[in-house]
Structures are given as structure tokens and as C-alpha cells.
Amino acid sequence: MDWLGVNQWLGWLGLAIALGAIEVATVDFVFVMLAGGALAGSLAAAFGAPFPAAAIIAAVVGALLVFLVRPLVKGKFTEGITDSGIGSSALVGRTAHVVQAVTEHDGRVKLGGEIWSARIAAGGRVCEAGDEVRVIAIHGATAIVSGEQAIADR
């Protein structure tokens, strides 16, 4: 134990490495900020600071990193992320074929090889069987369609 007392900076460094490994599993930028605090504690211990001082430095630096730097880093990494077009959201913007007349309350369209319940967007015209429509939104299991856009695209 005397070795750790003389080389406490290695204990802080080991803690920083362990926190970095946890960050790899979580990828939320919390543990990497705490690892930065542990590195500051390691640096303080390497320059001869007693354990309580190194612990305070590690805690203060870790907290500052979590509350000041993490939001900036997280925002930078998530900037520009949009819907990846997986699931029903991938169907928005596609054309569909009306199977049963689509009104403001009911109807059926063939969309992506499947029959979907559908209704027209507010103020849209009724679409008859055989018409081509454009999907403008998906609400639950109902496709919201517009006949005007599909006609304009022809």
C-alpha cells in the first residue's frame, strides 16, 4: 500500500482509464468527462498534491467538464442528425395507389407493397380508387395523403 501512496498518480490514471472504458460502452460523454477529472487528479498527484487535494481537483474538473463541455460536445456530435428513414417514416414522400376511395375519415392505399388505412390531408380532395397519391405524413397506422402533389409530379 505504501507504493500506491508514493505513486498515487498511477491510481488516478487507472481510474481515468477505467472511466474511459465505461464511456466506450455508453457513448454519452459523461464518463469521458469524469475521466478528464481523474486525469486532472493524476496530474495534481504527480506534482505532489496530497490525496484530498487531488480528489477535490478531480471532482471540480470533472463537474466542470460534465456541465460546461459535455453539452457542447454532445451538440456537435448530434448536430445535423435527421430521421434515418427507417420504418414508417421512410414512407413519407412516396407515392401510393388508392385501393378504396380516400376521404377525410377513411380509405385504403397500397403503399410499399402493403395495404394501409389512409385519409386525405385537411382541405384535400377525395381520391378515388386507381388514383395516385403522395404520402405527406404517417400517423400511427394511417397514411395521410394528398392527391394534388402526386398529380403535379406527373
Protein backbone atom coordinates (compact mmCIF):
# COMPACT_ATOMS: atom_id res chain seq x y z
CA MET A 1 0.00 0.00 0.00
CA ASP A 2 2.97 2.29 0.53
CA TRP A 3 3.70 2.07 -3.20
CA LEU A 4 0.25 3.50 -4.02
CA GLY A 5 0.80 6.31 -1.52
CA VAL A 6 4.05 7.25 -3.26
CA ASN A 7 2.61 6.77 -6.76
CA GLN A 8 -0.98 7.88 -6.25
CA TRP A 9 -0.94 9.50 -9.68
CA LEU A 10 -0.99 5.97 -11.11
CA GLY A 11 -4.19 5.23 -9.18
CA TRP A 12 -5.81 8.31 -10.68
CA LEU A 13 -4.55 7.31 -14.12
CA GLY A 14 -6.02 3.82 -13.67
CA LEU A 15 -9.35 5.38 -12.69
CA ALA A 16 -9.25 7.57 -15.80
CA ILE A 17 -8.63 4.52 -18.00
CA ALA A 18 -11.49 2.62 -16.35
CA LEU A 19 -13.85 5.57 -16.84
CA GLY A 20 -12.75 5.81 -20.48
CA ALA A 21 -13.57 2.13 -20.95
CA ILE A 22 -17.04 2.68 -19.50
CA GLU A 23 -17.51 5.59 -21.90
CA VAL A 24 -16.83 3.28 -24.82
CA ALA A 25 -19.81 1.19 -23.71
CA THR A 26 -22.21 4.09 -23.01
CA VAL A 27 -21.17 6.76 -25.56
CA ASP A 28 -22.95 9.52 -23.69
CA PHE A 29 -19.94 11.77 -22.99
CA VAL A 30 -20.38 11.59 -19.21
CA PHE A 31 -17.70 9.10 -18.29
CA VAL A 32 -15.14 10.65 -20.63
CA MET A 33 -15.65 13.95 -18.81
CA LEU A 34 -15.19 12.21 -15.46
CA ALA A 35 -12.07 10.57 -16.91
CA GLY A 36 -10.82 14.09 -17.65
CA GLY A 37 -11.35 14.94 -13.99
CA ALA A 38 -9.42 11.80 -12.97
CA LEU A 39 -6.59 12.87 -15.29
CA ALA A 40 -6.54 16.27 -13.57
CA GLY A 41 -6.32 14.44 -10.22
CA SER A 42 -3.48 12.34 -11.63
CA LEU A 43 -1.63 15.45 -12.76
CA ALA A 44 -2.13 17.10 -9.36
CA ALA A 45 -0.86 13.97 -7.59
CA ALA A 46 2.14 13.79 -9.93
CA PHE A 47 3.11 17.31 -8.83
CA GLY A 48 2.91 16.27 -5.18
CA ALA A 49 -0.61 17.26 -4.13
CA PRO A 50 -1.91 15.21 -1.18
CA PHE A 51 -4.82 12.84 -1.85
CA PRO A 52 -7.58 15.14 -0.52
CA ALA A 53 -6.38 18.00 -2.74
CA ALA A 54 -6.12 15.70 -5.78
CA ALA A 55 -9.63 14.39 -5.08
CA ILE A 56 -11.06 17.92 -4.88
CA ILE A 57 -9.29 18.90 -8.10
CA ALA A 58 -10.59 15.75 -9.83
CA ALA A 59 -14.15 16.41 -8.65
CA VAL A 60 -14.15 20.08 -9.63
CA VAL A 61 -12.62 19.47 -13.08
CA GLY A 62 -14.94 16.51 -13.70
CA ALA A 63 -18.01 18.56 -12.75
CA LEU A 64 -16.93 21.49 -14.91
CA LEU A 65 -16.37 19.19 -17.86
CA VAL A 66 -19.75 17.48 -17.39
CA PHE A 67 -21.73 20.71 -17.04
CA LEU A 68 -19.83 23.02 -19.41
CA VAL A 69 -18.03 20.97 -22.04
CA ARG A 70 -20.33 17.94 -22.40
CA PRO A 71 -23.32 19.90 -23.78
CA LEU A 72 -21.09 21.47 -26.43
CA VAL A 73 -19.50 18.18 -27.44
CA LYS A 74 -22.79 16.30 -27.44
CA GLY A 75 -24.43 19.02 -29.51
CA LYS A 76 -21.59 18.91 -32.01
CA PHE A 77 -21.83 15.15 -32.42
CA THR A 78 -25.62 15.13 -32.74
CA GLU A 79 -25.80 18.22 -34.98
CA GLY A 80 -27.43 17.50 -38.30
CA ILE A 81 -28.73 14.08 -37.34
CA THR A 82 -32.06 13.59 -39.02
CA ASP A 83 -34.51 10.79 -39.25
CA SER A 84 -32.71 7.88 -40.86
CA GLY A 85 -35.74 6.88 -42.87
CA ILE A 86 -36.30 3.63 -41.04
CA GLY A 87 -39.77 2.20 -40.54
CA SER A 88 -42.90 4.12 -41.38
CA SER A 89 -41.06 7.46 -41.61
CA ALA A 90 -39.30 6.13 -44.72
CA LEU A 91 -42.67 6.06 -46.48
CA VAL A 92 -43.28 9.81 -46.21
CA GLY A 93 -42.89 11.40 -49.63
CA ARG A 94 -43.55 8.20 -51.57
CA THR A 95 -46.43 7.68 -53.93
CA ALA A 96 -49.24 5.26 -53.19
CA HIS A 97 -52.11 3.85 -55.22
CA VAL A 98 -55.65 4.27 -53.93
CA VAL A 99 -57.40 0.93 -53.44
CA GLN A 100 -60.58 2.25 -51.76
CA ALA A 101 -61.71 5.89 -52.02
CA VAL A 102 -59.80 8.09 -49.56
CA THR A 103 -61.76 10.76 -47.70
CA GLU A 104 -61.06 12.89 -44.66
CA HIS A 105 -62.20 9.97 -42.49
CA ASP A 106 -61.33 6.69 -44.21
CA GLY A 107 -59.80 4.95 -47.19
CA ARG A 108 -57.17 2.41 -48.25
CA VAL A 109 -53.97 2.78 -50.25
CA LYS A 110 -51.30 0.38 -51.43
CA LEU A 111 -48.04 1.71 -50.09
CA GLY A 112 -44.72 -0.12 -50.06
CA GLY A 113 -46.43 -3.33 -51.15
CA GLU A 114 -48.89 -3.24 -48.24
CA ILE A 115 -52.44 -2.01 -47.80
CA TRP A 116 -52.60 0.95 -45.42
CA SER A 117 -55.54 2.80 -43.96
CA ALA A 118 -55.44 6.34 -45.25
CA ARG A 119 -57.15 9.68 -45.14
CA ILE A 120 -56.63 12.87 -47.09
CA ALA A 121 -54.96 15.88 -45.61
CA ALA A 122 -57.24 18.64 -44.35
CA GLY A 123 -58.75 20.54 -47.26
CA GLY A 124 -57.70 17.95 -49.84
CA ARG A 125 -59.94 16.45 -52.50
CA VAL A 126 -61.39 12.95 -52.24
CA CYS A 127 -59.21 10.44 -54.09
CA GLU A 128 -60.93 7.64 -55.98
CA ALA A 129 -59.74 4.04 -56.45
CA GLY A 130 -56.95 3.93 -59.03
CA ASP A 131 -55.67 7.45 -58.27
CA GLU A 132 -52.05 8.02 -57.39
CA VAL A 133 -51.41 9.99 -54.21
CA ARG A 134 -48.40 11.29 -52.30
CA VAL A 135 -47.87 10.33 -48.64
CA ILE A 136 -47.30 13.50 -46.65
CA ALA A 137 -47.34 12.02 -43.12
CA ILE A 138 -47.81 8.84 -41.16
CA HIS A 139 -49.97 8.99 -38.03
CA GLY A 140 -49.83 5.64 -36.29
CA ALA A 141 -51.00 3.11 -38.87
CA THR A 142 -52.72 5.71 -41.08
CA ALA A 143 -51.13 7.33 -44.10
CA ILE A 144 -52.08 10.97 -44.59
CA VAL A 145 -52.13 11.55 -48.35
CA SER A 146 -52.56 14.34 -50.86
CA GLY A 147 -53.76 13.83 -54.39
CA GLU A 148 -52.69 17.29 -55.60
CA GLN A 149 -48.94 16.73 -55.15
CA ALA A 150 -48.97 13.40 -56.97
CA ILE A 151 -50.80 14.97 -59.92
CA ALA A 152 -48.32 17.85 -60.04
CA ASP A 153 -45.40 15.38 -60.12
CA ARG A 154 -46.66 13.64 -63.28
